[in-house]
Protein backbone atom coordinates (compact mmCIF):
# COMPACT_ATOMS: atom_id res chain seq x y z
CA UNK A 1 -17.86 -8.37 -3.88
CA UNK A 2 -15.97 -6.08 -6.22
CA UNK A 3 -12.45 -7.10 -7.19
CA UNK A 4 -11.13 -3.80 -5.77
CA UNK A 5 -13.39 -2.88 -2.84
CA UNK A 6 -11.13 0.02 -1.81
CA UNK A 7 -10.84 1.65 -5.22
CA UNK A 8 -10.79 5.43 -4.83
CA UNK A 9 -9.84 5.25 -1.14
CA UNK A 10 -6.63 6.49 0.49
CA UNK A 11 -5.12 4.51 3.38
CA UNK A 12 -2.42 5.53 5.83
CA UNK A 13 -0.49 2.52 7.14
CA UNK A 14 2.00 3.36 9.88
CA UNK A 15 5.11 1.21 9.99
CA UNK A 16 4.89 0.17 6.33
CA UNK A 17 8.56 -0.66 5.91
CA UNK A 18 8.46 -4.25 7.08
CA UNK A 19 6.52 -7.07 8.69
CA UNK A 20 2.80 -6.73 9.24
CA UNK A 21 2.78 -3.10 8.11
CA UNK A 22 4.23 -3.96 4.71
CA UNK A 23 1.78 -6.84 4.29
CA UNK A 24 -1.12 -4.53 5.11
CA UNK A 25 0.06 -1.85 2.70
CA UNK A 26 0.42 -4.39 -0.12
CA UNK A 27 -2.98 -5.95 0.58
CA UNK A 28 -4.87 -2.64 0.74
CA UNK A 29 -3.11 -1.50 -2.44
CA UNK A 30 -4.17 -4.75 -4.14
CA UNK A 31 -7.73 -3.95 -3.04
CA UNK A 32 -7.48 -0.61 -4.86
CA UNK A 33 -6.41 1.88 -2.20
CA UNK A 34 -3.77 4.55 -2.65
CA UNK A 35 -1.26 3.97 0.15
CA UNK A 36 0.42 6.50 2.42
CA UNK A 37 3.37 4.41 3.55
CA UNK A 38 4.68 5.77 6.84
CA UNK A 39 8.01 4.89 8.37
CA UNK A 40 10.13 6.03 11.29
CA UNK A 41 13.54 4.50 10.54
CA UNK A 42 12.97 1.85 7.83
CA UNK A 43 13.47 4.12 4.81
CA UNK A 44 14.90 1.38 2.61
CA UNK A 45 12.10 -0.95 3.65
CA UNK A 46 9.33 1.52 2.91
CA UNK A 47 10.89 2.36 -0.45
CA UNK A 48 10.70 -1.34 -1.28
CA UNK A 49 7.04 -1.37 -0.19
CA UNK A 50 6.32 1.55 -2.51
CA UNK A 51 8.19 -0.12 -5.39
CA UNK A 52 6.15 -3.32 -4.98
CA UNK A 53 2.89 -1.39 -4.99
CA UNK A 54 3.84 0.63 -8.05
CA UNK A 55 5.10 -2.46 -9.90
CA UNK A 56 1.66 -3.99 -9.41
CA UNK A 57 0.01 -0.90 -10.89
CA UNK A 58 -0.92 0.84 -7.65
CA UNK A 59 0.04 4.21 -6.16
CA UNK A 60 1.88 4.94 -2.93
CA UNK A 61 3.70 7.83 -1.29
CA UNK A 62 6.15 7.51 1.60
CA UNK A 63 6.44 9.89 4.56
CA UNK A 64 8.66 9.76 7.62
CA UNK A 65 7.64 10.70 11.17
CA UNK A 66 8.37 9.78 14.76
CA UNK A 67 4.77 9.25 15.82
CA UNK A 68 5.65 9.57 19.51
CA UNK A 69 6.15 13.31 18.83
CA UNK A 70 2.95 15.20 18.19
CA UNK A 71 4.65 17.91 16.14
CA UNK A 72 5.95 15.29 13.71
CA UNK A 73 2.50 13.72 13.41
CA UNK A 74 1.02 17.14 12.60
CA UNK A 75 3.73 17.60 9.94
CA UNK A 76 2.93 14.14 8.55
CA UNK A 77 -0.70 15.09 8.06
CA UNK A 78 0.27 18.39 6.48
CA UNK A 79 2.19 16.33 3.90
CA UNK A 80 -0.88 14.13 3.44
CA UNK A 81 -3.00 17.26 2.90
CA UNK A 82 -0.71 18.14 -0.02
CA UNK A 83 -0.40 14.66 -1.51
CA UNK A 84 -2.59 12.66 -1.88
CA UNK A 85 -4.86 15.35 -0.46
CA UNK A 86 -7.29 13.17 1.48
CA UNK A 87 -7.46 10.17 3.78
CA UNK A 88 -10.18 7.55 4.21
CA UNK A 89 -8.55 4.74 6.19
CA UNK A 90 -6.06 4.82 9.05
CA UNK A 91 -4.15 1.72 10.15
CA UNK A 92 -2.27 2.32 13.40
CA UNK A 93 0.16 -0.55 12.94
CA UNK A 94 3.46 0.93 14.23
CA UNK A 95 4.77 -0.60 17.41
CA UNK A 96 7.88 -1.37 19.40
CA UNK A 97 8.34 -4.24 21.81
CA UNK A 98 10.22 -4.19 25.05
CA UNK A 99 10.49 -6.04 28.32
CA UNK A 100 12.37 -5.66 31.54
CA UNK A 101 12.23 -6.32 35.24
CA UNK A 102 10.10 -3.92 37.27
CA UNK A 103 13.03 -3.07 39.51
CA UNK A 104 15.10 -2.05 36.49
CA UNK A 105 12.58 0.48 35.15
CA UNK A 106 14.20 3.18 33.00
CA UNK A 107 12.63 6.47 31.96
CA UNK A 108 13.77 5.98 28.37
CA UNK A 109 11.92 2.65 28.20
CA UNK A 110 8.72 4.27 29.46
CA UNK A 111 9.05 7.07 26.90
CA UNK A 112 9.79 4.74 24.00
CA UNK A 113 7.18 2.05 24.65
CA UNK A 114 4.34 4.35 25.67
CA UNK A 115 5.37 6.92 23.07
CA UNK A 116 5.13 4.63 20.04
CA UNK A 117 2.51 2.14 21.21
CA UNK A 118 0.06 4.42 23.02
CA UNK A 119 0.65 8.13 22.30
CA UNK A 120 1.45 7.48 18.64
CA UNK A 121 -1.96 5.98 17.79
CA UNK A 122 -3.61 8.74 19.83
CA UNK A 123 -1.83 11.52 17.92
CA UNK A 124 -2.48 9.84 14.55
CA UNK A 125 -6.17 9.32 15.28
CA UNK A 126 -6.59 12.87 16.55
CA UNK A 127 -5.30 14.35 13.29
CA UNK A 128 -7.19 11.80 11.22
CA UNK A 129 -10.49 12.56 12.99
CA UNK A 130 -10.31 16.12 11.62
CA UNK A 131 -9.97 14.82 8.07
CA UNK A 132 -11.76 11.49 7.71
CA UNK A 133 -14.96 11.65 5.65
CA UNK A 134 -18.17 10.04 6.81
CA UNK A 135 -17.75 6.30 6.44
CA UNK A 136 -14.03 6.39 7.21
CA UNK A 137 -12.09 3.71 9.05
CA UNK A 138 -9.65 3.64 11.96
CA UNK A 139 -7.97 0.29 12.60
CA UNK A 140 -5.79 0.08 15.68
CA UNK A 141 -3.38 -2.62 16.77
CA UNK A 142 -3.03 -4.27 20.14
CA UNK A 143 -1.27 -7.54 21.03
CA UNK A 144 -2.10 -10.81 22.71
CA UNK A 145 0.35 -9.65 25.39
CA UNK A 146 -2.29 -7.07 26.27
CA UNK A 147 -4.67 -9.94 27.08
CA UNK A 148 -2.09 -12.42 28.38
CA UNK A 149 0.73 -10.36 29.95
CA UNK A 150 3.90 -12.20 30.86
CA UNK A 151 6.47 -11.26 33.46
CA UNK A 152 8.47 -8.24 32.36
CA UNK A 153 5.96 -7.13 29.71
CA UNK A 154 4.14 -4.64 31.92
CA UNK A 155 4.87 -1.47 29.91
CA UNK A 156 4.16 -3.03 26.54
CA UNK A 157 1.04 -4.88 27.73
CA UNK A 158 -0.39 -1.78 29.39
CA UNK A 159 0.18 0.38 26.33
CA UNK A 160 -1.54 -2.16 24.09
CA UNK A 161 -4.48 -2.55 26.48
CA UNK A 162 -4.86 1.25 26.44
CA UNK A 163 -5.27 1.12 22.66
CA UNK A 164 -8.23 -1.22 23.06
CA UNK A 165 -9.83 1.30 25.41
CA UNK A 166 -9.19 4.07 22.87
CA UNK A 167 -10.98 1.97 20.27
CA UNK A 168 -14.14 1.58 22.34
CA UNK A 169 -14.30 5.30 23.15
CA UNK A 170 -13.50 6.53 19.63
CA UNK A 171 -16.07 4.17 18.10
CA UNK A 172 -18.80 5.79 20.18
CA UNK A 173 -17.52 9.29 19.50
CA UNK A 174 -17.17 8.89 15.73
CA UNK A 175 -20.04 6.51 15.06
CA UNK A 176 -22.45 9.36 14.30
CA UNK A 177 -20.32 10.01 11.22
CA UNK A 178 -20.40 6.31 10.23
CA UNK A 179 -16.69 6.06 10.99
CA UNK A 180 -15.82 2.62 12.33
CA UNK A 181 -13.03 2.05 14.84
CA UNK A 182 -11.70 -1.41 15.62
CA UNK A 183 -8.65 -3.13 17.04
CA UNK A 184 -6.79 -6.09 15.57
CA UNK A 185 -4.98 -8.26 18.12
CA UNK A 186 -2.38 -10.42 16.40
CA UNK A 187 -0.43 -13.14 18.07
CA UNK A 188 3.15 -14.09 17.23
CA UNK A 189 3.59 -13.38 13.53
CA UNK A 190 6.24 -13.60 10.81
CA UNK A 191 7.43 -11.50 9.10
CA UNK A 192 7.23 -9.29 12.17
CA UNK A 193 8.63 -8.79 15.65
CA UNK A 194 8.89 -12.54 16.14
CA UNK A 195 11.71 -12.70 13.58
CA UNK A 196 13.94 -10.96 16.10
CA UNK A 197 13.11 -13.44 18.86
CA UNK A 198 13.85 -16.94 17.52
CA UNK A 199 14.30 -18.26 21.05
CA UNK A 200 10.58 -17.67 21.70
CA UNK A 201 9.25 -19.03 18.40
CA UNK A 202 8.78 -22.61 19.62
CA UNK A 203 7.01 -21.33 22.73
CA UNK A 204 4.46 -19.39 20.69
CA UNK A 205 4.06 -22.17 18.13
CA UNK A 206 3.11 -24.57 20.92
CA UNK A 207 0.67 -22.03 22.41
CA UNK A 208 -1.60 -22.45 19.36
CA UNK A 209 -3.48 -25.65 18.50
CA UNK A 210 -2.33 -25.02 14.92
CA UNK A 211 1.26 -25.52 16.17
CA UNK A 212 2.58 -22.56 14.21
CA UNK A 213 2.71 -18.80 14.37
CA UNK A 214 0.76 -16.53 12.07
CA UNK A 215 1.81 -15.05 8.76
CA UNK A 216 1.64 -11.31 8.23
CA UNK A 217 -0.66 -11.83 5.23
CA UNK A 218 -3.22 -13.43 7.55
CA UNK A 219 -3.27 -10.30 9.69
CA UNK A 220 -3.48 -8.12 6.59
CA UNK A 221 -6.59 -10.06 5.51
CA UNK A 222 -8.34 -9.11 8.76
CA UNK A 223 -7.40 -5.47 8.25
CA UNK A 224 -8.64 -5.60 4.64
CA UNK A 225 -12.04 -6.79 5.84
CA UNK A 226 -12.30 -4.04 8.48
CA UNK A 227 -11.33 -1.45 5.88
CA UNK A 228 -13.90 -2.69 3.38
CA UNK A 229 -17.57 -1.70 2.90
CA UNK A 230 -18.56 -5.14 4.22
CA UNK A 231 -17.43 -4.12 7.74
CA UNK A 232 -19.76 -1.12 7.99
CA UNK A 233 -21.55 -2.60 11.05
CA UNK A 234 -18.38 -3.71 12.86
CA UNK A 235 -17.13 -1.07 15.28
CA UNK A 236 -15.83 -0.73 18.81
CA UNK A 237 -14.54 -4.27 18.88
CA UNK A 238 -11.23 -6.09 19.18
CA UNK A 239 -10.58 -9.02 16.87
CA UNK A 240 -8.15 -11.71 17.98
CA UNK A 241 -6.07 -13.09 15.11
CA UNK A 242 -3.75 -15.46 16.92
CA UNK A 243 -4.70 -19.00 15.95
CA UNK A 244 -6.50 -19.60 19.28
CA UNK A 245 -3.19 -19.30 21.13
CA UNK A 246 -3.48 -19.16 24.89
CA UNK A 247 -0.74 -16.58 25.31
C-alpha cells in the first residue's frame, strides 16, 4: 500500500470541528487528501482542525453550513466548486443526539434531530452525486442506537436507521459509476458525544467485552479504509465499529 493512498483526492468531512469528525479529517489528511472541513457552530474547533492539518504539511479549507437547510448545503457546494474545485470523497459525519419521552414530543426536537441526522446527509449526498467522479466515495454515519434503540431514543434511532436505508439505495444507484456508498456504525466513542454524557460511560463500557468505549481514531481508521482504493468492492454495507457491544 502507498504511504498516502488518498494523494490527489479531496474529501468533505461534515462536523470536522471536534470528536470523530476531527479525527477523520486528520486521518484522511495524513493519507494525502485535501480536506474540506465543514462546521455548523464549532468555528474555533474547525480552525484548530485546519491548523493541525496545515502544520503537518496538508491542505484544508473550512466552510460553515447548517446542513438541515438545503439552501445552505447548496451554498456550501458552490464554495467547494470555487475552492478546492472538486470533490472525491464525502463523509457524512455530522450528527446531533437527543432523547425524550414520547408523550413530551416537541416539534423543535423533530426538526433538529431529523434535520441534521437524516435530511442533512440526504442534501449533502444529493449535491455530491452531481459532482463526484467515477470511483468516488460516500461514507455515511449511523449509530448503534439505530440497531439497539433504548427508551426515549426513538427520533434519533429512526433517523440513523434511515441513513442505513439511504446507503443501500444509493449504492445501487451510483454503483454503475464505481462510486461506493457505505455506512459506519460507531458505538460509544471519545472524543465524541459520549464526553457530554459521563453518567452513561460506565454503562457503555460494560456493554463491550473489551470493557471500554471506542476512541475516535479507531472510527477514523474504518473511514480511511472505506475511502481508500482497497475498498473498491465494498459498497451498500454497514460496518459496526463498536467493540462487539450489545447496545
